[in-house]
Amino acid sequence: MVVAVSVAIYLALGVCYWLLVRSARLAAGRLPATTAWLNELSIERYHPMLRLLDDENLRHLCRQPGFTPRMAAGLRAQRCRIVRGHIHSMQIDFGRICTALKIVMAQSPHDRQDLAAALVRSQITFTFGVVAIQFRLLLYRWGLGRVEITSLLKVFDGMRMELRTFLPGEVSVGA
């Protein structure tokens, strides 16, 4: 029993570490941090995930004649793939936001301990939120439980709004 719990804890820590490293890699590349990019960047682009994860239409389909449990499982699997794609895009956008904020802090003439603390806290919260969503998606795929993404969207939007305060004009950061 102790060995099984230890293995489960080490696996969970390994997954968290892998996701942290992956999130850092996703931030690499060109950084289109302009006001145009930031204006296009909105949590609205991730709202379709809310509809995909809403079980009401799946319950409605299950009541329809000819709709089988196999069809429901296929639909859940398809939704999970789509949501994972959205989560991946959100991770890339979040990484770019964080990188842009780090550049802003590095170029600031003032020490921004408050921003640094908020950034680290948000990165940790976001990463653990992604891990939790991936786990819940695994369960949802098999018809167990629900997936809630609103807290992840709040962290994302908070950092987006924070960056927005630093980009008043058409400024390109790190391009």
Protein backbone atom coordinates (compact mmCIF):
# COMPACT_ATOMS: atom_id res chain seq x y z
CA MET A 1 0.00 0.00 0.00
CA VAL A 2 2.78 2.43 0.92
CA VAL A 3 4.64 1.59 -2.29
CA ALA A 4 1.53 2.24 -4.40
CA VAL A 5 0.94 5.62 -2.75
CA SER A 6 4.62 6.54 -3.19
CA VAL A 7 4.53 5.59 -6.86
CA ALA A 8 1.37 7.63 -7.38
CA ILE A 9 2.92 10.67 -5.70
CA TYR A 10 6.12 10.39 -7.76
CA LEU A 11 4.09 10.04 -10.96
CA ALA A 12 2.04 13.11 -10.09
CA LEU A 13 5.20 15.11 -9.33
CA GLY A 14 6.75 13.90 -12.58
CA VAL A 15 3.72 15.03 -14.57
CA CYS A 16 3.80 18.43 -12.84
CA TYR A 17 7.53 18.80 -13.61
CA TRP A 18 6.98 17.78 -17.24
CA LEU A 19 4.17 20.33 -17.61
CA LEU A 20 6.32 23.08 -16.07
CA VAL A 21 9.15 22.36 -18.50
CA ARG A 22 6.70 22.15 -21.40
CA SER A 23 5.10 25.46 -20.45
CA ALA A 24 8.51 27.12 -20.42
CA ARG A 25 9.28 25.71 -23.89
CA LEU A 26 5.96 26.92 -25.28
CA ALA A 27 6.95 30.51 -24.52
CA ALA A 28 9.96 30.27 -26.85
CA GLY A 29 9.95 31.73 -30.32
CA ARG A 30 8.82 35.08 -31.62
CA LEU A 31 6.99 37.21 -29.15
CA PRO A 32 4.31 39.27 -30.89
CA ALA A 33 3.64 41.49 -27.88
CA THR A 34 2.16 44.51 -29.60
CA THR A 35 -1.04 46.26 -28.73
CA ALA A 36 -2.58 44.73 -31.86
CA TRP A 37 -1.63 41.23 -30.67
CA LEU A 38 -2.85 42.01 -27.17
CA ASN A 39 -6.14 43.41 -28.49
CA GLU A 40 -6.67 40.20 -30.47
CA LEU A 41 -5.79 38.13 -27.42
CA SER A 42 -8.99 37.63 -25.49
CA ILE A 43 -10.49 34.99 -23.26
CA GLU A 44 -13.42 35.05 -25.68
CA ARG A 45 -11.42 32.84 -28.03
CA TYR A 46 -11.42 30.16 -25.33
CA HIS A 47 -15.13 30.35 -24.48
CA PRO A 48 -16.03 27.55 -26.93
CA MET A 49 -14.41 25.22 -24.39
CA LEU A 50 -17.17 26.10 -21.95
CA ARG A 51 -19.80 24.95 -24.44
CA LEU A 52 -17.86 21.81 -25.33
CA LEU A 53 -17.63 20.81 -21.70
CA ASP A 54 -21.29 21.54 -20.94
CA ASP A 55 -23.05 18.21 -20.45
CA GLU A 56 -26.54 19.50 -21.18
CA ASN A 57 -26.42 18.87 -24.93
CA LEU A 58 -24.81 15.47 -24.37
CA ARG A 59 -27.64 14.54 -22.01
CA HIS A 60 -30.10 15.74 -24.65
CA LEU A 61 -28.45 13.57 -27.30
CA CYS A 62 -28.50 10.55 -24.99
CA ARG A 63 -32.30 10.84 -24.80
CA GLN A 64 -32.62 10.72 -28.59
CA PRO A 65 -33.63 7.44 -30.23
CA GLY A 66 -30.70 5.62 -31.78
CA PHE A 67 -28.05 7.46 -29.80
CA THR A 68 -25.82 4.80 -28.28
CA PRO A 69 -23.36 4.87 -25.37
CA ARG A 70 -20.62 4.24 -27.93
CA MET A 71 -21.61 7.41 -29.78
CA ALA A 72 -21.55 9.32 -26.48
CA ALA A 73 -18.06 7.99 -25.74
CA GLY A 74 -16.88 9.03 -29.19
CA LEU A 75 -18.33 12.49 -28.73
CA ARG A 76 -16.63 12.87 -25.33
CA ALA A 77 -13.31 11.73 -26.85
CA GLN A 78 -13.66 14.24 -29.68
CA ARG A 79 -14.48 17.04 -27.25
CA CYS A 80 -11.46 16.14 -25.12
CA ARG A 81 -9.17 16.41 -28.17
CA ILE A 82 -10.61 19.81 -29.07
CA VAL A 83 -10.34 21.11 -25.50
CA ARG A 84 -6.74 19.87 -25.27
CA GLY A 85 -5.98 21.85 -28.43
CA HIS A 86 -7.51 24.97 -26.87
CA ILE A 87 -5.54 24.37 -23.66
CA HIS A 88 -2.34 24.04 -25.71
CA SER A 89 -3.07 27.36 -27.45
CA MET A 90 -3.83 28.96 -24.11
CA GLN A 91 -0.51 27.70 -22.73
CA ILE A 92 1.34 29.26 -25.66
CA ASP A 93 -0.49 32.58 -25.22
CA PHE A 94 0.05 32.53 -21.46
CA GLY A 95 3.75 31.80 -21.97
CA ARG A 96 4.03 34.77 -24.33
CA ILE A 97 2.25 37.02 -21.86
CA CYS A 98 4.57 35.93 -19.05
CA THR A 99 7.65 36.38 -21.21
CA ALA A 100 6.51 39.87 -22.21
CA LEU A 101 5.94 40.75 -18.54
CA LYS A 102 9.43 39.48 -17.68
CA ILE A 103 10.87 41.71 -20.40
CA VAL A 104 8.89 44.66 -19.04
CA MET A 105 10.25 43.97 -15.54
CA ALA A 106 13.82 43.63 -16.82
CA GLN A 107 13.60 46.92 -18.70
CA SER A 108 11.85 48.80 -15.92
CA PRO A 109 13.89 51.43 -14.08
CA HIS A 110 12.05 50.47 -10.89
CA ASP A 111 12.15 47.26 -8.92
CA ARG A 112 8.86 45.47 -9.56
CA GLN A 113 8.69 42.94 -6.73
CA ASP A 114 4.90 43.10 -6.73
CA LEU A 115 4.72 42.18 -10.40
CA ALA A 116 7.35 39.48 -10.00
CA ALA A 117 5.43 37.90 -7.13
CA ALA A 118 2.14 38.07 -9.03
CA LEU A 119 3.80 36.58 -12.10
CA VAL A 120 5.30 33.62 -10.21
CA ARG A 121 2.03 33.02 -8.36
CA SER A 122 0.06 33.14 -11.61
CA GLN A 123 2.47 30.81 -13.41
CA ILE A 124 2.23 28.24 -10.61
CA THR A 125 -1.56 28.55 -10.42
CA PHE A 126 -1.88 28.29 -14.20
CA THR A 127 0.37 25.24 -14.43
CA PHE A 128 -1.40 23.39 -11.65
CA GLY A 129 -4.72 24.39 -13.21
CA VAL A 130 -3.63 22.85 -16.51
CA VAL A 131 -2.54 19.66 -14.71
CA ALA A 132 -5.91 19.47 -12.95
CA ILE A 133 -7.81 20.04 -16.20
CA GLN A 134 -5.79 17.36 -18.01
CA PHE A 135 -6.61 14.91 -15.22
CA ARG A 136 -10.29 15.87 -15.27
CA LEU A 137 -10.35 15.52 -19.06
CA LEU A 138 -9.05 11.99 -18.66
CA LEU A 139 -11.92 11.22 -16.31
CA TYR A 140 -14.45 13.07 -18.48
CA ARG A 141 -13.30 11.04 -21.48
CA TRP A 142 -14.55 7.93 -19.69
CA GLY A 143 -17.79 9.55 -18.56
CA LEU A 144 -16.67 10.38 -15.03
CA GLY A 145 -17.01 13.85 -13.60
CA ARG A 146 -16.98 17.32 -15.07
CA VAL A 147 -14.26 19.67 -16.26
CA GLU A 148 -14.25 23.23 -14.95
CA ILE A 149 -11.99 25.76 -16.69
CA THR A 150 -13.25 29.12 -15.40
CA SER A 151 -10.50 29.45 -12.78
CA LEU A 152 -7.85 28.88 -15.47
CA LEU A 153 -9.50 31.51 -17.66
CA LYS A 154 -9.41 33.97 -14.74
CA VAL A 155 -5.66 33.48 -14.22
CA PHE A 156 -5.06 33.86 -17.96
CA ASP A 157 -7.16 37.01 -18.17
CA GLY A 158 -5.53 38.50 -15.07
CA MET A 159 -2.07 38.25 -16.61
CA ARG A 160 -3.39 39.48 -19.97
CA MET A 161 -4.85 42.56 -18.29
CA GLU A 162 -1.62 43.10 -16.33
CA LEU A 163 0.39 43.11 -19.55
CA ARG A 164 -2.15 45.40 -21.17
CA THR A 165 -1.36 48.09 -18.57
CA PHE A 166 2.26 48.15 -19.76
CA LEU A 167 1.60 48.41 -23.51
CA PRO A 168 -0.13 51.75 -24.05
CA GLY A 169 1.06 52.31 -27.63
CA GLU A 170 2.07 50.26 -30.63
CA VAL A 171 5.16 48.81 -28.97
CA SER A 172 6.83 45.58 -29.99
CA VAL A 173 8.48 43.70 -27.15
CA GLY A 174 11.20 41.21 -28.07
CA ALA A 175 10.14 40.72 -31.69
